[in-house]
Amino acid sequence: MLALMAQFALAAHIAALVLLFVLGAPAVRAARRVWLEKRRLPAPAEPQPGSPPRLALIVPLTGDSPGMERCLRSLLDQPGMDFDAWFAVQDEADPAAGLVRRLMAGHPRLRLVLSGPAATCCQKNHSLLAALDALAEAGKNRPEGPPDILVFCDSTHEAAPDFLTRLTAPVAEGRAVLATSYHRVLPEDDRPATLCHFYSALGIHLLQSLPLLCQPWGGATAILRREFLAHGVDAVWARGVVDDFTMGPYLQGRGVRALAVPEAALLTPVAGQTMGRWWDWWFRQLLYLKFCMPGTWLAGTAGALGLLGAWCWAAWDLARGGLSGWFYLAALAGLGLPLGGLSQRRLPAWRRAASFLLMQGATLFCYLATWGTNTLRWRGIAYKAGLDGTVRRIEREQAPRRSSPGANDTERK
């Protein structure tokens, strides 16, 4: 009986991964196609009656991560799009403030917002809210008023020239209130940690591509400003431990679902990754699930414990010369081949298989480790959070804001 239960759990794990690949891969391929086609702009859209909606791009940032300037320039260089940009940092001591001032020289509609330190929410939320206050104040002095559509974006992902066009189109055309995209990780080397990062981000991308599971998470989001305010998302953020992952479930509970726009996916090159940095990033993503969707996190824990038991049985089966464990390992490694094929860069087959096995094993223990803490650490700040996604206490640690050389800063999301 125990053997049958273990074999069923192993088979269910493989089946779930296959189903995720079959259902999510078309959207991931659509996102990849945008970049592989040399970022070719789409045909101009048919003119819409009336004035086009006014846009505001809001980006919170900190530090001076390698490649951040390139990513920010790509967000600002959006041909054919008329928008204001608001980049928010904590204070002038942050290296990001100097970077924004350099960018302002070539982008007169870019504004720098100094938010000050957060007291009741994560620093990123605090910066976003400060930018929202600043653009609302600026709107009072304009005949047309504040913007119609808000676009929130992370600072360390590169955007294609048609990013804003694609992301905001469903909202501008009235097909959605909330549209979102994720980021694609481009592994620039074959290190195991780099490929583990690729596979874990790919897993989120595949999940986000499924309509019933789509949530804003680690990329960019466009939303009607009037709906953002009407539903009180700003009040949720004022206590939240994270921005998009608190907004998504909250709005879903109020009948507002996110629409995935895979063609608007951002790009994040990753090279020189270490297992420690990848584990820290992946652990934060899983903690967001714990804080913002505790019911889902608990259900996932039951599945993780069941899979751990099945792995123990498979190891025992392998030790006594059984074949079930070998079949499972072969199937799991084999899945790394088509999943790795979704990368924009060709990866050696054996590295795809081995790294996928490593990522799956590490993820199980990383998930179970989320039971050990309610503290999320990022950029020298420790946030004590509750299972309702709110910050209970903030502890500031002594840590530099500059990223270490060679560290691709995808650590926020």
Protein backbone atom coordinates (compact mmCIF):
# COMPACT_ATOMS: atom_id res chain seq x y z
CA MET A 1 0.00 0.00 0.00
CA LEU A 2 2.80 2.40 0.91
CA ALA A 3 4.58 1.62 -2.35
CA LEU A 4 1.42 2.34 -4.36
CA MET A 5 0.92 5.67 -2.59
CA ALA A 6 4.54 6.67 -3.21
CA GLN A 7 4.36 5.67 -6.87
CA PHE A 8 1.13 7.62 -7.26
CA ALA A 9 2.76 10.73 -5.73
CA LEU A 10 5.76 10.45 -8.06
CA ALA A 11 3.51 9.98 -11.09
CA ALA A 12 1.32 12.90 -10.02
CA HIS A 13 4.42 15.13 -9.76
CA ILE A 14 5.46 14.28 -13.31
CA ALA A 15 1.91 14.67 -14.62
CA ALA A 16 1.51 18.10 -13.01
CA LEU A 17 4.75 19.33 -14.58
CA VAL A 18 3.76 17.98 -17.99
CA LEU A 19 0.36 19.67 -17.75
CA LEU A 20 1.95 22.95 -16.70
CA PHE A 21 4.30 22.80 -19.67
CA VAL A 22 1.55 21.96 -22.18
CA LEU A 23 -0.77 24.72 -20.96
CA GLY A 24 1.78 27.44 -20.28
CA ALA A 25 4.41 26.95 -22.98
CA PRO A 26 2.46 28.72 -25.79
CA ALA A 27 2.40 31.98 -23.83
CA VAL A 28 6.08 31.66 -22.90
CA ARG A 29 6.94 31.04 -26.56
CA ALA A 30 4.96 34.16 -27.49
CA ALA A 31 7.03 36.16 -25.02
CA ARG A 32 10.25 34.67 -26.38
CA ARG A 33 9.23 35.45 -29.95
CA VAL A 34 9.06 39.18 -29.20
CA TRP A 35 12.76 39.17 -28.33
CA LEU A 36 13.95 36.65 -30.92
CA GLU A 37 12.38 38.70 -33.71
CA LYS A 38 14.80 41.51 -32.90
CA ARG A 39 12.09 43.39 -31.01
CA ARG A 40 10.18 44.19 -34.16
CA LEU A 41 7.39 46.66 -33.42
CA PRO A 42 3.84 45.51 -34.18
CA ALA A 43 1.72 47.12 -36.85
CA PRO A 44 0.21 50.40 -35.67
CA ALA A 45 -3.11 49.92 -33.95
CA GLU A 46 -6.28 51.34 -35.41
CA PRO A 47 -6.89 54.82 -34.01
CA GLN A 48 -9.41 54.78 -31.17
CA PRO A 49 -12.19 57.39 -31.03
CA GLY A 50 -11.54 60.22 -28.61
CA SER A 51 -8.33 61.14 -26.85
CA PRO A 52 -5.89 58.32 -25.99
CA PRO A 53 -5.66 57.49 -22.28
CA ARG A 54 -2.94 59.28 -20.33
CA LEU A 55 -0.23 57.03 -18.91
CA ALA A 56 2.11 57.22 -15.94
CA LEU A 57 5.05 54.84 -15.57
CA ILE A 58 6.05 54.36 -11.93
CA VAL A 59 9.30 52.60 -11.03
CA PRO A 60 10.65 52.16 -7.48
CA LEU A 61 14.37 51.55 -7.32
CA THR A 62 17.38 51.42 -5.06
CA GLY A 63 21.10 50.81 -5.41
CA ASP A 64 23.08 50.68 -8.64
CA SER A 65 22.81 47.07 -9.75
CA PRO A 66 24.77 46.07 -12.86
CA GLY A 67 22.65 46.73 -15.91
CA MET A 68 20.08 48.87 -14.11
CA GLU A 69 20.75 51.93 -16.26
CA ARG A 70 20.26 49.88 -19.43
CA CYS A 71 16.97 48.54 -18.07
CA LEU A 72 15.70 51.99 -17.06
CA ARG A 73 16.59 53.45 -20.44
CA SER A 74 14.68 50.66 -22.15
CA LEU A 75 11.59 51.53 -20.09
CA LEU A 76 11.86 55.17 -21.08
CA ASP A 77 12.55 54.53 -24.77
CA GLN A 78 9.06 53.51 -25.93
CA PRO A 79 8.47 54.88 -29.45
CA GLY A 80 5.02 56.23 -30.12
CA MET A 81 3.93 56.24 -26.47
CA ASP A 82 3.03 59.47 -24.69
CA PHE A 83 3.64 59.10 -20.96
CA ASP A 84 5.15 60.62 -17.83
CA ALA A 85 7.64 58.63 -15.76
CA TRP A 86 8.06 58.76 -12.00
CA PHE A 87 11.12 57.04 -10.53
CA ALA A 88 11.07 56.79 -6.73
CA VAL A 89 14.01 56.24 -4.36
CA GLN A 90 14.31 56.55 -0.60
CA ASP A 91 16.69 59.54 -0.43
CA GLU A 92 19.57 61.33 -2.11
CA ALA A 93 22.07 59.02 -0.39
CA ASP A 94 20.79 56.16 -2.48
CA PRO A 95 23.04 55.65 -5.55
CA ALA A 96 19.88 55.26 -7.62
CA ALA A 97 19.09 58.96 -7.12
CA GLY A 98 22.17 59.99 -9.06
CA LEU A 99 21.32 57.52 -11.80
CA VAL A 100 17.83 58.96 -12.16
CA ARG A 101 19.18 62.51 -12.34
CA ARG A 102 21.46 61.48 -15.20
CA LEU A 103 18.50 59.98 -17.03
CA MET A 104 16.42 63.12 -16.49
CA ALA A 105 18.84 65.07 -18.68
CA GLY A 106 17.60 63.18 -21.74
CA HIS A 107 14.00 62.60 -20.64
CA PRO A 108 12.26 65.85 -19.64
CA ARG A 109 9.09 64.01 -18.58
CA LEU A 110 10.94 61.89 -16.05
CA ARG A 111 10.64 62.95 -12.41
CA LEU A 112 12.56 61.86 -9.34
CA VAL A 113 10.56 61.22 -6.15
CA LEU A 114 12.30 60.99 -2.76
CA SER A 115 10.04 58.87 -0.57
CA GLY A 116 11.89 58.78 2.75
CA PRO A 117 12.14 55.60 4.86
CA ALA A 118 9.14 53.29 5.22
CA ALA A 119 7.52 52.87 8.63
CA THR A 120 4.43 50.67 8.08
CA CYS A 121 5.11 48.76 4.85
CA CYS A 122 7.99 47.56 2.71
CA GLN A 123 10.24 50.26 1.27
CA LYS A 124 9.13 49.45 -2.27
CA ASN A 125 5.47 50.06 -1.43
CA HIS A 126 6.37 53.26 0.38
CA SER A 127 8.20 54.53 -2.71
CA LEU A 128 5.29 53.59 -4.97
CA LEU A 129 2.83 55.45 -2.74
CA ALA A 130 5.07 58.51 -2.65
CA ALA A 131 5.15 58.53 -6.46
CA LEU A 132 1.35 58.19 -6.57
CA ASP A 133 1.00 61.18 -4.25
CA ALA A 134 3.41 63.19 -6.39
CA LEU A 135 1.61 62.50 -9.66
CA ALA A 136 -1.78 63.23 -8.05
CA GLU A 137 -0.46 66.59 -6.87
CA ALA A 138 0.97 67.34 -10.32
CA GLY A 139 -2.38 66.45 -11.88
CA LYS A 140 -4.08 69.23 -9.95
CA ASN A 141 -2.12 71.77 -11.99
CA ARG A 142 -2.99 70.26 -15.35
CA PRO A 143 -6.19 70.86 -17.31
CA GLU A 144 -6.38 67.17 -18.23
CA GLY A 145 -5.91 66.05 -14.63
CA PRO A 146 -4.01 62.95 -13.42
CA PRO A 147 -3.26 59.94 -15.69
CA ASP A 148 -5.88 57.35 -16.63
CA ILE A 149 -3.61 54.30 -16.54
CA LEU A 150 -0.91 53.50 -14.00
CA VAL A 151 1.97 51.24 -15.03
CA PHE A 152 4.09 49.78 -12.23
CA CYS A 153 7.37 48.16 -13.20
CA ASP A 154 10.48 46.74 -11.54
CA SER A 155 13.77 48.47 -12.26
CA THR A 156 16.04 45.55 -13.14
CA HIS A 157 14.32 44.06 -16.19
CA GLU A 158 14.85 45.16 -19.78
CA ALA A 159 11.83 46.22 -21.84
CA ALA A 160 11.29 45.83 -25.58
CA PRO A 161 10.45 49.06 -27.49
CA ASP A 162 6.81 48.02 -27.76
CA PHE A 163 6.48 47.01 -24.10
CA LEU A 164 4.14 49.83 -23.07
CA THR A 165 2.10 49.50 -26.24
CA ARG A 166 1.44 45.82 -25.62
CA LEU A 167 0.94 45.99 -21.84
CA THR A 168 -1.51 48.90 -21.81
CA ALA A 169 -3.51 47.95 -24.92
CA PRO A 170 -6.03 45.65 -23.11
CA VAL A 171 -6.66 48.33 -20.48
CA ALA A 172 -6.85 51.21 -22.96
CA GLU A 173 -9.25 49.25 -25.18
CA GLY A 174 -11.52 48.31 -22.29
CA ARG A 175 -10.76 44.57 -22.45
CA ALA A 176 -9.33 44.51 -18.93
CA VAL A 177 -9.01 46.63 -15.81
CA LEU A 178 -5.73 45.00 -14.83
CA ALA A 179 -3.07 43.67 -17.22
CA THR A 180 0.22 42.12 -16.21
CA SER A 181 3.38 40.54 -17.56
CA TYR A 182 6.29 38.62 -16.06
CA HIS A 183 10.02 38.66 -16.80
CA ARG A 184 11.96 36.11 -18.80
CA VAL A 185 15.31 35.04 -17.40
CA LEU A 186 18.03 34.76 -20.03
CA PRO A 187 20.80 32.48 -18.69
CA GLU A 188 24.10 33.86 -19.98
CA ASP A 189 26.17 30.94 -18.69
CA ASP A 190 25.65 27.26 -17.89
CA ARG A 191 26.33 27.41 -14.15
CA PRO A 192 23.96 25.21 -12.14
CA ALA A 193 22.76 28.17 -10.06
CA THR A 194 22.08 30.27 -13.16
CA LEU A 195 20.01 27.48 -14.69
CA CYS A 196 18.20 26.88 -11.39
CA HIS A 197 17.25 30.56 -11.44
CA PHE A 198 16.06 30.20 -15.02
CA TYR A 199 13.89 27.16 -14.23
CA SER A 200 12.34 28.65 -11.09
CA ALA A 201 11.45 31.92 -12.87
CA LEU A 202 10.13 29.88 -15.78
CA GLY A 203 7.85 27.99 -13.41
CA ILE A 204 6.28 31.26 -12.23
CA HIS A 205 5.98 32.43 -15.85
CA LEU A 206 4.17 29.22 -16.82
CA LEU A 207 1.79 29.53 -13.87
CA GLN A 208 1.06 33.19 -14.63
CA SER A 209 0.12 32.22 -18.17
CA LEU A 210 -2.86 30.19 -16.93
CA PRO A 211 -5.98 32.43 -16.75
CA LEU A 212 -7.24 30.99 -13.46
CA LEU A 213 -3.84 31.40 -11.78
CA CYS A 214 -2.73 34.70 -13.30
CA GLN A 215 -1.45 37.16 -10.69
CA PRO A 216 0.76 40.24 -10.95
CA TRP A 217 4.16 39.01 -9.85
CA GLY A 218 7.65 40.22 -10.63
CA GLY A 219 7.34 42.12 -13.90
CA ALA A 220 5.00 44.95 -14.83
CA THR A 221 1.35 45.78 -14.24
CA ALA A 222 -1.05 48.26 -15.87
CA ILE A 223 -4.29 49.26 -14.12
CA LEU A 224 -6.93 51.94 -14.47
CA ARG A 225 -6.16 54.61 -11.89
CA ARG A 226 -9.80 55.09 -10.95
CA GLU A 227 -10.14 51.35 -10.22
CA PHE A 228 -6.89 51.31 -8.26
CA LEU A 229 -8.23 54.04 -5.99
CA ALA A 230 -11.84 52.85 -5.90
CA HIS A 231 -10.77 49.45 -4.59
CA GLY A 232 -8.40 50.96 -2.04
CA VAL A 233 -5.23 49.28 -3.29
CA ASP A 234 -3.22 52.20 -1.94
CA ALA A 235 -4.47 51.41 1.57
CA VAL A 236 -3.48 47.76 1.13
CA TRP A 237 -0.01 48.78 0.00
CA ALA A 238 0.37 51.13 2.98
CA ARG A 239 0.61 48.04 5.22
CA GLY A 240 1.85 45.46 2.72
CA VAL A 241 5.04 43.41 2.69
CA VAL A 242 5.06 43.39 -1.12
CA ASP A 243 3.29 45.31 -3.87
CA ASP A 244 1.96 43.22 -6.74
CA PHE A 245 1.43 39.99 -4.84
CA THR A 246 -0.78 41.76 -2.29
CA MET A 247 -2.68 43.62 -5.01
CA GLY A 248 -3.49 40.57 -7.14
CA PRO A 249 -5.30 38.36 -4.59
CA TYR A 250 -6.94 41.41 -3.03
CA LEU A 251 -8.45 42.57 -6.33
CA GLN A 252 -9.37 39.03 -7.29
CA GLY A 253 -11.39 38.82 -4.09
CA ARG A 254 -13.24 41.95 -5.25
CA GLY A 255 -14.00 40.50 -8.69
CA VAL A 256 -11.11 42.05 -10.63
CA ARG A 257 -9.00 39.46 -12.42
CA ALA A 258 -5.63 40.06 -14.04
CA LEU A 259 -5.14 39.53 -17.75
CA ALA A 260 -1.74 38.12 -18.75
CA VAL A 261 -0.01 39.83 -21.68
CA PRO A 262 2.85 37.45 -22.52
CA GLU A 263 4.10 39.58 -25.42
CA ALA A 264 4.88 42.36 -22.93
CA ALA A 265 7.26 40.18 -20.90
CA LEU A 266 10.45 41.85 -19.74
CA LEU A 267 13.92 40.33 -20.07
CA THR A 268 16.41 39.66 -17.28
CA PRO A 269 19.89 38.43 -18.23
CA VAL A 270 21.45 36.38 -15.43
CA ALA A 271 25.10 35.39 -15.27
CA GLY A 272 27.49 34.37 -12.52
CA GLN A 273 24.68 33.31 -10.23
CA THR A 274 25.56 31.44 -7.03
CA MET A 275 23.45 28.89 -5.22
CA GLY A 276 23.28 31.18 -2.20
CA ARG A 277 21.94 34.17 -4.13
CA TRP A 278 19.48 32.02 -6.07
CA TRP A 279 18.24 30.37 -2.87
CA ASP A 280 17.71 33.80 -1.25
CA TRP A 281 15.73 35.04 -4.27
CA TRP A 282 13.64 31.87 -4.54
CA PHE A 283 13.01 31.81 -0.78
CA ARG A 284 11.58 35.34 -0.97
CA GLN A 285 9.22 34.36 -3.76
CA LEU A 286 7.90 31.47 -1.68
CA LEU A 287 7.58 33.69 1.39
CA TYR A 288 5.37 36.03 -0.64
CA LEU A 289 3.08 33.07 -1.24
CA LYS A 290 3.01 32.35 2.49
CA PHE A 291 2.22 35.93 3.46
CA CYS A 292 -0.29 36.76 0.73
CA MET A 293 -2.00 33.43 -0.04
CA PRO A 294 -1.63 31.40 3.17
CA GLY A 295 -4.31 28.88 2.19
CA THR A 296 -2.49 28.07 -1.04
CA TRP A 297 0.80 27.92 0.88
CA LEU A 298 -0.67 25.42 3.37
CA ALA A 299 -2.02 23.26 0.54
CA GLY A 300 1.40 23.40 -1.10
CA THR A 301 3.00 22.29 2.16
CA ALA A 302 0.84 19.16 2.22
CA GLY A 303 1.92 18.41 -1.33
CA ALA A 304 5.58 19.07 -0.50
CA LEU A 305 5.49 16.73 2.50
CA GLY A 306 3.80 14.05 0.42
CA LEU A 307 6.44 14.41 -2.27
CA LEU A 308 9.21 14.27 0.33
CA GLY A 309 7.80 10.98 1.60
CA ALA A 310 7.64 9.66 -1.95
CA TRP A 311 11.27 10.66 -2.50
CA CYS A 312 12.30 8.78 0.62
CA TRP A 313 10.51 5.70 -0.69
CA ALA A 314 12.13 6.14 -4.13
CA ALA A 315 15.58 6.32 -2.50
CA TRP A 316 14.83 3.11 -0.59
CA ASP A 317 13.59 1.52 -3.81
CA LEU A 318 16.77 2.51 -5.63
CA ALA A 319 18.91 1.11 -2.80
CA ARG A 320 17.27 -2.29 -3.06
CA GLY A 321 17.60 -2.40 -6.85
CA GLY A 322 14.04 -1.34 -7.79
CA LEU A 323 13.19 0.42 -11.05
CA SER A 324 10.47 2.85 -9.98
CA GLY A 325 12.96 5.40 -8.69
CA TRP A 326 14.98 5.22 -11.89
CA PHE A 327 11.90 5.72 -14.04
CA TYR A 328 10.94 8.76 -11.98
CA LEU A 329 14.40 10.34 -12.14
CA ALA A 330 14.60 9.72 -15.87
CA ALA A 331 11.19 11.31 -16.43
CA LEU A 332 12.02 14.29 -14.24
CA ALA A 333 15.37 14.85 -15.93
CA GLY A 334 13.73 14.40 -19.31
CA LEU A 335 11.28 17.20 -18.56
CA GLY A 336 14.23 19.53 -18.16
CA LEU A 337 14.90 19.20 -21.89
CA PRO A 338 11.68 20.74 -23.30
CA LEU A 339 11.48 23.22 -20.44
CA GLY A 340 15.08 24.29 -21.06
CA GLY A 341 14.18 24.59 -24.73
CA LEU A 342 12.02 27.58 -23.82
CA SER A 343 15.17 29.60 -23.17
CA GLN A 344 16.29 32.17 -25.71
CA ARG A 345 19.76 30.67 -25.55
CA ARG A 346 20.53 27.10 -26.54
CA LEU A 347 21.58 25.12 -23.48
CA PRO A 348 23.49 21.81 -23.43
CA ALA A 349 21.05 18.92 -22.99
CA TRP A 350 22.85 17.32 -20.06
CA ARG A 351 23.03 20.62 -18.19
CA ARG A 352 19.32 21.20 -18.76
CA ALA A 353 18.50 17.80 -17.31
CA ALA A 354 20.91 17.97 -14.36
CA SER A 355 20.01 21.54 -13.40
CA PHE A 356 16.30 20.80 -13.52
CA LEU A 357 16.80 17.88 -11.14
CA LEU A 358 18.82 20.13 -8.85
CA MET A 359 16.22 22.91 -8.96
CA GLN A 360 13.37 20.50 -8.18
CA GLY A 361 15.19 19.03 -5.19
CA ALA A 362 16.28 22.39 -3.81
CA THR A 363 12.81 23.88 -4.28
CA LEU A 364 11.22 21.23 -2.09
CA PHE A 365 13.49 22.07 0.84
CA CYS A 366 13.30 25.81 0.13
CA TYR A 367 9.50 25.58 0.33
CA LEU A 368 9.57 23.67 3.60
CA ALA A 369 12.05 26.21 4.99
CA THR A 370 9.37 28.91 4.78
CA TRP A 371 7.87 27.33 7.91
CA GLY A 372 10.90 28.50 9.86
CA THR A 373 10.40 32.26 9.66
CA ASN A 374 7.96 35.12 9.19
CA THR A 375 10.78 37.54 8.39
CA LEU A 376 11.55 38.72 4.88
CA ARG A 377 14.98 40.29 4.40
CA TRP A 378 15.89 42.53 1.50
CA ARG A 379 18.50 45.24 1.01
CA GLY A 380 19.47 45.47 4.65
CA ILE A 381 15.89 45.64 5.96
CA ALA A 382 14.08 42.87 7.83
CA TYR A 383 10.27 42.89 7.59
CA LYS A 384 8.34 40.93 10.21
CA ALA A 385 5.12 40.04 8.40
CA GLY A 386 1.80 38.41 9.20
CA LEU A 387 -0.12 35.83 7.19
CA ASP A 388 -2.40 38.61 5.95
CA GLY A 389 0.44 40.17 3.96
CA THR A 390 0.93 43.11 6.34
CA VAL A 391 4.15 44.34 7.91
CA ARG A 392 4.16 44.06 11.69
CA ARG A 393 7.65 45.37 12.37
CA ILE A 394 10.60 46.80 10.45
CA GLU A 395 14.21 46.27 11.52
CA ARG A 396 16.91 48.10 9.61
CA GLU A 397 20.20 46.30 9.34
CA GLN A 398 23.61 47.67 8.37
CA ALA A 399 24.08 46.76 4.72
CA PRO A 400 25.41 48.53 1.64
CA ARG A 401 23.00 49.56 -1.07
CA ARG A 402 25.41 48.78 -3.85
CA SER A 403 25.10 45.33 -5.35
CA SER A 404 28.14 43.10 -5.46
CA PRO A 405 29.92 43.01 -8.83
CA GLY A 406 28.53 40.44 -11.20
CA ALA A 407 25.30 39.94 -9.27
CA ASN A 408 22.36 40.30 -11.60
CA ASP A 409 19.87 42.03 -9.35
CA THR A 410 16.68 40.08 -9.86
CA GLU A 411 16.53 39.68 -6.12
CA ARG A 412 13.46 41.84 -5.56
CA LYS A 413 11.31 39.77 -7.87
